[in-house]
Amino acid sequence: MITIHEAAKRFHTDLGWLNSWHTFSFGDHYDPARQGFSVLRVINDDTVKSGQGFGSHGHRDMEILSYVLSGALQHKDSTGGGGVIRKGELQRMSAGSGVVHSEFNGSKDEPVHFLQIWLLPDARGVKPGYQQKKFEFAPGKPTLLASRGGRDGSVDIHQDASVFGARLDGAEKISFELKPSRQAFVHVAEGSVVLNGRRLAAGDGAQVSGERALELAGGQKAEVLLFDLP
């Protein structure tokens, strides 16, 4: 079964300096039917104006991924982790037993557009940690971005989940097999793509359960994240 989460039906926050679209319940936005999917808790599509950002604040027991689509995101945290994240890069922050961090637009004149993703960890109170990696994307081929143990050069997360990124434009096709009892979530970050015969546009998500195979095709300048979930 594939359930579509339409971009226009996401929750929306506009603070002037921040324009954010929430796939699932977040902050003041609450719907008991949209509390995440499997261990995937948050997908926030954030655009932050130049010179603005999120001041220091704390988190516990969450795997937080930041995926930049354009611009530059400046990160600092209490583990000593920090740096500027740009397109093609992924940051992982394990909040674990507790971490304080901040994110700011690293540009003086351009907005930063990024996805903030939260995954529930498989253990509480782990030691906080930070990773940042740049990835090369081959057109029409999935790239493993995050996984338990950091397989194939991905960042290491404390959960039995895998996060893939892919770019498709034209005749390229990606086939992905789901093992029995596994689920998936597909988020279209940019452009549009066809998932198992259904066209998805930027901001759309697809919740997948009970399917054995997924096919992404018909990409039009598409950038897609695929979550393989327990």
C-alpha atoms as a PDB file:
ATOM      1  CA  MET A   1       0.000   0.000   0.000  1.00  0.00           C
ATOM      2  CA  ILE A   2       1.239   3.481  -0.887  1.00  0.00           C
ATOM      3  CA  THR A   3      -0.231   6.493   0.921  1.00  0.00           C
ATOM      4  CA  ILE A   4       0.588   9.905  -0.542  1.00  0.00           C
ATOM      5  CA  HIS A   5       1.308  12.899   1.694  1.00  0.00           C
ATOM      6  CA  GLU A   6       0.621  15.869  -0.593  1.00  0.00           C
ATOM      7  CA  ALA A   7       2.947  18.845  -0.300  1.00  0.00           C
ATOM      8  CA  ALA A   8       0.099  21.364  -0.097  1.00  0.00           C
ATOM      9  CA  LYS A   9      -1.465  19.497   2.839  1.00  0.00           C
ATOM     10  CA  ARG A  10       1.639  19.696   5.032  1.00  0.00           C
ATOM     11  CA  PHE A  11       1.630  21.831   8.165  1.00  0.00           C
ATOM     12  CA  HIS A  12       3.090  25.312   7.589  1.00  0.00           C
ATOM     13  CA  THR A  13       5.061  27.726   9.760  1.00  0.00           C
ATOM     14  CA  ASP A  14       5.974  31.226   8.542  1.00  0.00           C
ATOM     15  CA  LEU A  15       7.975  33.363  10.989  1.00  0.00           C
ATOM     16  CA  GLY A  16       9.246  35.827   8.406  1.00  0.00           C
ATOM     17  CA  TRP A  17      12.870  34.694   8.713  1.00  0.00           C
ATOM     18  CA  LEU A  18      11.782  31.019   8.575  1.00  0.00           C
ATOM     19  CA  ASN A  19       9.449  29.369   6.084  1.00  0.00           C
ATOM     20  CA  SER A  20       8.900  25.748   7.095  1.00  0.00           C
ATOM     21  CA  TRP A  21       6.693  22.935   5.809  1.00  0.00           C
ATOM     22  CA  HIS A  22       6.166  19.928   8.102  1.00  0.00           C
ATOM     23  CA  THR A  23       5.310  16.492   6.698  1.00  0.00           C
ATOM     24  CA  PHE A  24       4.434  15.269  10.210  1.00  0.00           C
ATOM     25  CA  SER A  25       3.216  16.864  13.446  1.00  0.00           C
ATOM     26  CA  PHE A  26       5.754  19.355  14.778  1.00  0.00           C
ATOM     27  CA  GLY A  27       5.753  22.087  17.413  1.00  0.00           C
ATOM     28  CA  ASP A  28       2.331  23.718  17.645  1.00  0.00           C
ATOM     29  CA  HIS A  29       1.072  21.622  14.715  1.00  0.00           C
ATOM     30  CA  TYR A  30      -0.497  18.393  15.918  1.00  0.00           C
ATOM     31  CA  ASP A  31      -2.508  15.656  14.278  1.00  0.00           C
ATOM     32  CA  PRO A  32      -2.626  12.255  16.056  1.00  0.00           C
ATOM     33  CA  ALA A  33      -2.833  10.581  12.637  1.00  0.00           C
ATOM     34  CA  ARG A  34       0.409  12.264  11.478  1.00  0.00           C
ATOM     35  CA  GLN A  35       2.911  11.475  14.217  1.00  0.00           C
ATOM     36  CA  GLY A  36       5.576  10.130  11.877  1.00  0.00           C
ATOM     37  CA  PHE A  37       5.964   6.771  10.182  1.00  0.00           C
ATOM     38  CA  SER A  38       7.830   3.823  11.707  1.00  0.00           C
ATOM     39  CA  VAL A  39      10.983   5.382  13.270  1.00  0.00           C
ATOM     40  CA  LEU A  40      10.804   8.432  10.980  1.00  0.00           C
ATOM     41  CA  ARG A  41       9.507  11.234  13.196  1.00  0.00           C
ATOM     42  CA  VAL A  42      10.142  14.544  11.381  1.00  0.00           C
ATOM     43  CA  ILE A  43      10.696  15.874   7.866  1.00  0.00           C
ATOM     44  CA  ASN A  44      10.809  19.664   7.943  1.00  0.00           C
ATOM     45  CA  ASP A  45      11.384  21.532   4.674  1.00  0.00           C
ATOM     46  CA  ASP A  46      13.029  24.744   5.920  1.00  0.00           C
ATOM     47  CA  THR A  47      14.059  27.959   4.174  1.00  0.00           C
ATOM     48  CA  VAL A  48      15.955  30.449   6.355  1.00  0.00           C
ATOM     49  CA  LYS A  49      16.726  34.014   5.307  1.00  0.00           C
ATOM     50  CA  SER A  50      20.303  35.325   5.238  1.00  0.00           C
ATOM     51  CA  GLY A  51      21.745  36.270   8.604  1.00  0.00           C
ATOM     52  CA  GLN A  52      19.012  34.367  10.475  1.00  0.00           C
ATOM     53  CA  GLY A  53      18.739  30.985  12.151  1.00  0.00           C
ATOM     54  CA  PHE A  54      17.885  28.820  15.125  1.00  0.00           C
ATOM     55  CA  GLY A  55      19.548  29.929  18.366  1.00  0.00           C
ATOM     56  CA  SER A  56      20.987  27.497  20.907  1.00  0.00           C
ATOM     57  CA  HIS A  57      18.456  24.892  22.010  1.00  0.00           C
ATOM     58  CA  GLY A  58      18.562  21.352  23.351  1.00  0.00           C
ATOM     59  CA  HIS A  59      17.530  17.865  22.215  1.00  0.00           C
ATOM     60  CA  ARG A  60      17.683  14.368  23.691  1.00  0.00           C
ATOM     61  CA  ASP A  61      17.361  10.849  22.264  1.00  0.00           C
ATOM     62  CA  MET A  62      16.973  11.697  18.594  1.00  0.00           C
ATOM     63  CA  GLU A  63      19.008  11.099  15.421  1.00  0.00           C
ATOM     64  CA  ILE A  64      18.894  14.423  13.541  1.00  0.00           C
ATOM     65  CA  LEU A  65      19.934  14.712   9.888  1.00  0.00           C
ATOM     66  CA  SER A  66      20.338  17.995   8.007  1.00  0.00           C
ATOM     67  CA  TYR A  67      20.345  17.786   4.208  1.00  0.00           C
ATOM     68  CA  VAL A  68      21.080  21.019   2.328  1.00  0.00           C
ATOM     69  CA  LEU A  69      19.395  21.670  -1.024  1.00  0.00           C
ATOM     70  CA  SER A  70      20.796  25.162  -1.649  1.00  0.00           C
ATOM     71  CA  GLY A  71      22.776  27.772   0.234  1.00  0.00           C
ATOM     72  CA  ALA A  72      24.936  27.166   3.292  1.00  0.00           C
ATOM     73  CA  LEU A  73      23.978  26.086   6.818  1.00  0.00           C
ATOM     74  CA  GLN A  74      26.280  26.890   9.765  1.00  0.00           C
ATOM     75  CA  HIS A  75      26.103  24.348  12.613  1.00  0.00           C
ATOM     76  CA  LYS A  76      27.564  24.395  16.146  1.00  0.00           C
ATOM     77  CA  ASP A  77      26.887  22.046  19.055  1.00  0.00           C
ATOM     78  CA  SER A  78      27.991  21.222  22.571  1.00  0.00           C
ATOM     79  CA  THR A  79      29.911  18.108  21.467  1.00  0.00           C
ATOM     80  CA  GLY A  80      32.395  20.350  19.652  1.00  0.00           C
ATOM     81  CA  GLY A  81      30.873  19.438  16.284  1.00  0.00           C
ATOM     82  CA  GLY A  82      30.342  22.161  13.741  1.00  0.00           C
ATOM     83  CA  GLY A  83      30.899  23.387  10.226  1.00  0.00           C
ATOM     84  CA  VAL A  84      29.198  24.761   7.146  1.00  0.00           C
ATOM     85  CA  ILE A  85      26.922  22.334   5.304  1.00  0.00           C
ATOM     86  CA  ARG A  86      26.325  22.846   1.575  1.00  0.00           C
ATOM     87  CA  LYS A  87      24.431  21.090  -1.218  1.00  0.00           C
ATOM     88  CA  GLY A  88      25.447  17.447  -1.535  1.00  0.00           C
ATOM     89  CA  GLU A  89      26.414  17.244   2.139  1.00  0.00           C
ATOM     90  CA  LEU A  90      24.665  15.536   5.037  1.00  0.00           C
ATOM     91  CA  GLN A  91      25.092  16.239   8.725  1.00  0.00           C
ATOM     92  CA  ARG A  92      24.198  13.733  11.453  1.00  0.00           C
ATOM     93  CA  MET A  93      23.814  14.787  15.052  1.00  0.00           C
ATOM     94  CA  SER A  94      23.011  12.108  17.631  1.00  0.00           C
ATOM     95  CA  ALA A  95      21.353  13.978  20.498  1.00  0.00           C
ATOM     96  CA  GLY A  96      21.525  10.946  22.798  1.00  0.00           C
ATOM     97  CA  SER A  97      21.912  11.853  26.472  1.00  0.00           C
ATOM     98  CA  GLY A  98      21.595  15.540  25.614  1.00  0.00           C
ATOM     99  CA  VAL A  99      23.069  18.126  23.260  1.00  0.00           C
ATOM    100  CA  VAL A 100      22.731  21.882  22.748  1.00  0.00           C
ATOM    101  CA  HIS A 101      23.103  23.182  19.196  1.00  0.00           C
ATOM    102  CA  SER A 102      22.388  26.057  16.827  1.00  0.00           C
ATOM    103  CA  GLU A 103      21.936  26.462  13.071  1.00  0.00           C
ATOM    104  CA  PHE A 104      22.323  29.683  11.120  1.00  0.00           C
ATOM    105  CA  ASN A 105      22.301  30.701   7.502  1.00  0.00           C
ATOM    106  CA  GLY A 106      25.960  30.785   6.538  1.00  0.00           C
ATOM    107  CA  SER A 107      25.396  33.328   3.750  1.00  0.00           C
ATOM    108  CA  LYS A 108      25.078  37.124   3.999  1.00  0.00           C
ATOM    109  CA  ASP A 109      22.853  37.478   0.944  1.00  0.00           C
ATOM    110  CA  GLU A 110      21.239  34.138   0.021  1.00  0.00           C
ATOM    111  CA  PRO A 111      18.611  31.990   1.758  1.00  0.00           C
ATOM    112  CA  VAL A 112      19.443  28.434   2.798  1.00  0.00           C
ATOM    113  CA  HIS A 113      17.019  25.642   1.901  1.00  0.00           C
ATOM    114  CA  PHE A 114      17.407  22.361   3.751  1.00  0.00           C
ATOM    115  CA  LEU A 115      15.583  19.327   5.116  1.00  0.00           C
ATOM    116  CA  GLN A 116      15.661  18.629   8.829  1.00  0.00           C
ATOM    117  CA  ILE A 117      14.994  14.936   9.480  1.00  0.00           C
ATOM    118  CA  TRP A 118      14.500  13.206  12.830  1.00  0.00           C
ATOM    119  CA  LEU A 119      14.721   9.466  13.403  1.00  0.00           C
ATOM    120  CA  LEU A 120      13.998   7.761  16.702  1.00  0.00           C
ATOM    121  CA  PRO A 121      17.110   5.935  17.993  1.00  0.00           C
ATOM    122  CA  ASP A 122      17.036   2.279  19.031  1.00  0.00           C
ATOM    123  CA  ALA A 123      18.575   3.078  22.453  1.00  0.00           C
ATOM    124  CA  ARG A 124      18.206   5.947  24.884  1.00  0.00           C
ATOM    125  CA  GLY A 125      20.990   7.906  26.494  1.00  0.00           C
ATOM    126  CA  VAL A 126      23.740   7.159  23.961  1.00  0.00           C
ATOM    127  CA  LYS A 127      26.791   9.410  23.826  1.00  0.00           C
ATOM    128  CA  PRO A 128      26.051  12.473  21.664  1.00  0.00           C
ATOM    129  CA  GLY A 129      27.931  12.615  18.371  1.00  0.00           C
ATOM    130  CA  TYR A 130      28.356  14.547  15.128  1.00  0.00           C
ATOM    131  CA  GLN A 131      29.271  13.674  11.532  1.00  0.00           C
ATOM    132  CA  GLN A 132      29.292  15.607   8.290  1.00  0.00           C
ATOM    133  CA  LYS A 133      29.999  14.117   4.859  1.00  0.00           C
ATOM    134  CA  LYS A 134      29.904  15.176   1.232  1.00  0.00           C
ATOM    135  CA  PHE A 135      28.422  12.695  -1.230  1.00  0.00           C
ATOM    136  CA  GLU A 136      28.838  12.228  -4.957  1.00  0.00           C
ATOM    137  CA  PHE A 137      25.637  11.368  -6.798  1.00  0.00           C
ATOM    138  CA  ALA A 138      25.647   9.268  -9.966  1.00  0.00           C
ATOM    139  CA  PRO A 139      22.582  10.097 -12.085  1.00  0.00           C
ATOM    140  CA  GLY A 140      19.918   7.411 -11.794  1.00  0.00           C
ATOM    141  CA  LYS A 141      21.660   5.512  -8.996  1.00  0.00           C
ATOM    142  CA  PRO A 142      20.803   5.587  -5.274  1.00  0.00           C
ATOM    143  CA  THR A 143      23.508   6.786  -2.888  1.00  0.00           C
ATOM    144  CA  LEU A 144      23.491   5.504   0.695  1.00  0.00           C
ATOM    145  CA  LEU A 145      23.614   8.551   2.970  1.00  0.00           C
ATOM    146  CA  ALA A 146      22.942   7.145   6.456  1.00  0.00           C
ATOM    147  CA  SER A 147      22.771   3.672   8.004  1.00  0.00           C
ATOM    148  CA  ARG A 148      23.462   1.717  11.159  1.00  0.00           C
ATOM    149  CA  GLY A 149      27.228   1.223  11.314  1.00  0.00           C
ATOM    150  CA  GLY A 150      27.871   3.712   8.497  1.00  0.00           C
ATOM    151  CA  ARG A 151      27.835   1.177   5.646  1.00  0.00           C
ATOM    152  CA  ASP A 152      29.548   2.061   2.363  1.00  0.00           C
ATOM    153  CA  GLY A 153      30.809   5.394   3.629  1.00  0.00           C
ATOM    154  CA  SER A 154      27.459   6.670   4.885  1.00  0.00           C
ATOM    155  CA  VAL A 155      27.012   8.480   8.186  1.00  0.00           C
ATOM    156  CA  ASP A 156      26.361   6.250  11.202  1.00  0.00           C
ATOM    157  CA  ILE A 157      22.943   6.331  12.896  1.00  0.00           C
ATOM    158  CA  HIS A 158      21.669   4.525  15.989  1.00  0.00           C
ATOM    159  CA  GLN A 159      18.747   2.799  14.269  1.00  0.00           C
ATOM    160  CA  ASP A 160      18.047  -0.090  11.889  1.00  0.00           C
ATOM    161  CA  ALA A 161      17.200   2.280   9.045  1.00  0.00           C
ATOM    162  CA  SER A 162      18.876   3.300   5.808  1.00  0.00           C
ATOM    163  CA  VAL A 163      18.539   6.651   4.056  1.00  0.00           C
ATOM    164  CA  PHE A 164      19.260   6.873   0.331  1.00  0.00           C
ATOM    165  CA  GLY A 165      19.495   9.914  -1.925  1.00  0.00           C
ATOM    166  CA  ALA A 166      18.947   9.919  -5.683  1.00  0.00           C
ATOM    167  CA  ARG A 167      18.778  12.344  -8.582  1.00  0.00           C
ATOM    168  CA  LEU A 168      16.779  11.501 -11.699  1.00  0.00           C
ATOM    169  CA  ASP A 169      16.203  13.498 -14.860  1.00  0.00           C
ATOM    170  CA  GLY A 170      14.933  11.863 -18.026  1.00  0.00           C
ATOM    171  CA  ALA A 171      14.913   8.155 -18.853  1.00  0.00           C
ATOM    172  CA  GLU A 172      16.739   6.962 -15.704  1.00  0.00           C
ATOM    173  CA  LYS A 173      15.040   4.346 -13.517  1.00  0.00           C
ATOM    174  CA  ILE A 174      15.762   3.133 -10.008  1.00  0.00           C
ATOM    175  CA  SER A 175      14.390  -0.161  -8.690  1.00  0.00           C
ATOM    176  CA  PHE A 176      14.429  -0.826  -4.957  1.00  0.00           C
ATOM    177  CA  GLU A 177      13.416  -4.102  -3.300  1.00  0.00           C
ATOM    178  CA  LEU A 178      11.970  -4.064   0.201  1.00  0.00           C
ATOM    179  CA  LYS A 179      12.646  -7.065   2.400  1.00  0.00           C
ATOM    180  CA  PRO A 180       9.673  -8.726   4.131  1.00  0.00           C
ATOM    181  CA  SER A 181       8.467  -6.744   7.170  1.00  0.00           C
ATOM    182  CA  ARG A 182      10.300  -3.599   5.980  1.00  0.00           C
ATOM    183  CA  GLN A 183       8.594  -0.315   5.161  1.00  0.00           C
ATOM    184  CA  ALA A 184       9.654   2.753   3.237  1.00  0.00           C
ATOM    185  CA  PHE A 185       9.069   6.467   2.945  1.00  0.00           C
ATOM    186  CA  VAL A 186       9.866   8.473  -0.183  1.00  0.00           C
ATOM    187  CA  HIS A 187      10.259  12.254  -0.013  1.00  0.00           C
ATOM    188  CA  VAL A 188      10.632  14.376  -3.149  1.00  0.00           C
ATOM    189  CA  ALA A 189      12.960  17.228  -2.240  1.00  0.00           C
ATOM    190  CA  GLU A 190      13.041  18.882  -5.668  1.00  0.00           C
ATOM    191  CA  GLY A 191      11.533  18.401  -9.131  1.00  0.00           C
ATOM    192  CA  SER A 192       9.123  15.550  -9.775  1.00  0.00           C
ATOM    193  CA  VAL A 193       9.270  11.783 -10.228  1.00  0.00           C
ATOM    194  CA  VAL A 194       6.995   8.791 -10.827  1.00  0.00           C
ATOM    195  CA  LEU A 195       6.816   6.239  -7.997  1.00  0.00           C
ATOM    196  CA  ASN A 196       5.191   2.933  -9.000  1.00  0.00           C
ATOM    197  CA  GLY A 197       3.150   4.738 -11.640  1.00  0.00           C
ATOM    198  CA  ARG A 198       2.152   7.751  -9.524  1.00  0.00           C
ATOM    199  CA  ARG A 199       3.578  11.204 -10.198  1.00  0.00           C
ATOM    200  CA  LEU A 200       5.000  12.983  -7.134  1.00  0.00           C
ATOM    201  CA  ALA A 201       6.041  16.637  -7.078  1.00  0.00           C
ATOM    202  CA  ALA A 202       8.422  18.576  -4.845  1.00  0.00           C
ATOM    203  CA  GLY A 203       7.354  18.349  -1.211  1.00  0.00           C
ATOM    204  CA  ASP A 204       5.225  15.249  -1.737  1.00  0.00           C
ATOM    205  CA  GLY A 205       5.880  12.159   0.357  1.00  0.00           C
ATOM    206  CA  ALA A 206       4.839   8.529  -0.019  1.00  0.00           C
ATOM    207  CA  GLN A 207       4.341   6.129   2.876  1.00  0.00           C
ATOM    208  CA  VAL A 208       4.947   2.552   1.738  1.00  0.00           C
ATOM    209  CA  SER A 209       3.992  -0.701   3.483  1.00  0.00           C
ATOM    210  CA  GLY A 210       3.210  -4.172   2.199  1.00  0.00           C
ATOM    211  CA  GLU A 211       5.066  -3.590  -1.081  1.00  0.00           C
ATOM    212  CA  ARG A 212       7.955  -5.733  -2.307  1.00  0.00           C
ATOM    213  CA  ALA A 213       9.401  -3.373  -4.909  1.00  0.00           C
ATOM    214  CA  LEU A 214       9.581   0.324  -5.653  1.00  0.00           C
ATOM    215  CA  GLU A 215      10.400   1.926  -8.987  1.00  0.00           C
ATOM    216  CA  LEU A 216      11.361   5.557  -9.455  1.00  0.00           C
ATOM    217  CA  ALA A 217      11.219   6.807 -13.042  1.00  0.00           C
ATOM    218  CA  GLY A 218      10.195   9.766 -15.176  1.00  0.00           C
ATOM    219  CA  GLY A 219      12.337  12.161 -13.184  1.00  0.00           C
ATOM    220  CA  GLN A 220      12.187  15.850 -14.032  1.00  0.00           C
ATOM    221  CA  LYS A 221      15.168  17.462 -12.283  1.00  0.00           C
ATOM    222  CA  ALA A 222      14.219  15.292  -9.307  1.00  0.00           C
ATOM    223  CA  GLU A 223      16.079  14.942  -6.028  1.00  0.00           C
ATOM    224  CA  VAL A 224      14.591  12.209  -3.860  1.00  0.00           C
ATOM    225  CA  LEU A 225      15.207  10.740  -0.405  1.00  0.00           C
ATOM    226  CA  LEU A 226      14.224   7.115   0.231  1.00  0.00           C
ATOM    227  CA  PHE A 227      13.998   5.762   3.784  1.00  0.00           C
ATOM    228  CA  ASP A 228      14.207   1.974   4.315  1.00  0.00           C
ATOM    229  CA  LEU A 229      12.546   1.500   7.712  1.00  0.00           C
ATOM    230  CA  PRO A 230      11.781  -1.299  10.195  1.00  0.00           C
END
